Protein backbone atom coordinates (compact mmCIF):
# COMPACT_ATOMS: atom_id res chain seq x y z
CA MET A 1 5.96 -7.92 -14.68
CA PHE A 2 4.69 -9.23 -11.37
CA GLU A 3 1.19 -10.58 -10.90
CA VAL A 4 -1.56 -8.59 -9.21
CA PHE A 5 -2.62 -10.10 -5.89
CA ASP A 6 -5.25 -9.30 -3.29
CA LEU A 7 -3.79 -7.63 -0.19
CA PRO A 8 -5.96 -8.23 2.91
CA VAL A 9 -6.11 -5.07 5.06
CA SER A 10 -7.77 -4.78 8.47
CA HIS A 11 -9.38 -1.36 8.65
CA LYS A 12 -12.03 -0.17 11.10
CA ALA A 13 -12.86 -3.69 12.32
CA GLN A 14 -13.32 -5.15 8.84
CA GLU A 15 -11.07 -6.85 6.32
CA ILE A 16 -10.83 -5.26 2.88
CA LEU A 17 -9.03 -6.75 -0.13
CA PHE A 18 -7.09 -4.28 -2.26
CA PRO A 19 -5.44 -5.19 -5.59
CA ALA A 20 -1.67 -4.87 -5.19
CA GLN A 21 1.43 -5.48 -7.26
CA LEU A 22 5.14 -5.65 -6.51
CA VAL A 23 7.09 -3.25 -8.72
CA GLN A 24 10.86 -3.65 -9.06
CA ALA A 25 13.34 -1.25 -10.61
CA GLY A 26 16.91 -2.48 -10.32
CA TYR A 27 17.67 -3.00 -6.64
CA LEU A 28 14.65 -1.01 -5.47
CA HIS A 29 11.12 -2.24 -4.95
CA LYS A 30 7.75 -0.79 -4.03
CA PHE A 31 4.17 -1.96 -3.94
CA ARG A 32 1.38 -0.42 -6.02
CA VAL A 33 -1.95 -0.70 -4.19
CA THR A 34 -5.13 0.41 -5.92
CA VAL A 35 -7.59 2.16 -3.59
CA GLY A 36 -10.74 3.07 -5.48
CA ASP A 37 -9.49 4.81 -8.63
CA THR A 38 -6.12 5.80 -7.16
CA ASP A 39 -2.81 3.95 -7.29
CA VAL A 40 -0.83 4.42 -4.09
CA PHE A 41 2.82 3.40 -4.00
CA PHE A 42 4.39 2.05 -0.80
CA GLU A 43 8.16 2.05 -0.55
CA PRO A 44 10.52 1.10 2.26
CA ASP A 45 11.86 3.97 4.33
CA GLU A 46 15.20 4.23 6.13
CA GLU A 47 13.87 2.23 9.10
CA GLY A 48 12.52 -0.62 7.01
CA SER A 49 8.86 0.36 7.39
CA TYR A 50 6.70 1.18 4.38
CA ARG A 51 5.52 4.70 3.59
CA ALA A 52 2.85 5.81 1.16
CA VAL A 53 3.84 7.98 -1.78
CA ILE A 54 0.86 9.80 -3.22
CA ASP A 55 -0.17 13.15 -4.63
CA PRO A 56 -1.27 15.24 -1.58
CA GLU A 57 -4.40 16.34 -3.45
CA LYS A 58 -5.61 12.72 -3.52
CA ILE A 59 -5.69 12.36 0.29
CA GLY A 60 -9.24 12.76 1.50
CA THR A 61 -12.10 10.62 2.64
CA GLU A 62 -11.14 7.65 0.45
CA LEU A 63 -7.43 7.91 1.31
CA SER A 64 -7.21 8.80 4.96
CA GLY A 65 -3.93 8.65 6.83
CA GLU A 66 -5.38 5.85 8.96
CA LEU A 67 -6.18 3.72 5.90
CA LEU A 68 -2.73 4.29 4.42
CA ALA A 69 -1.12 3.26 7.74
CA ASP A 70 -3.27 0.11 7.81
CA ILE A 71 -2.21 -0.78 4.25
CA ALA A 72 1.46 -0.27 5.13
CA ALA A 73 1.03 -2.54 8.18
CA ALA A 74 -0.61 -5.20 5.97
CA ILE A 75 2.35 -5.10 3.55
CA GLU A 76 4.78 -5.52 6.44
CA LYS A 77 2.71 -8.44 7.78
CA VAL A 78 2.74 -10.20 4.39
CA LEU A 79 6.53 -9.84 4.16
CA ARG A 80 7.23 -11.52 7.54
């Protein structure tokens, strides 16, 4: 199992650290990022960007689309 690390995310002019973990299953990988009490999985899409995979009922004030996009951008930045 891979270690949990702090993922620095720039969101609304401040930097927030979210606990994250690389999860591998065979040839596939995704990142599990914990936001509050919710685990959000980010997986690569067909274009090589990362998309959030989450239960639609969980998206709200804590998990806005803007925050999820900022987390995906932070993952892409770490991988460069």
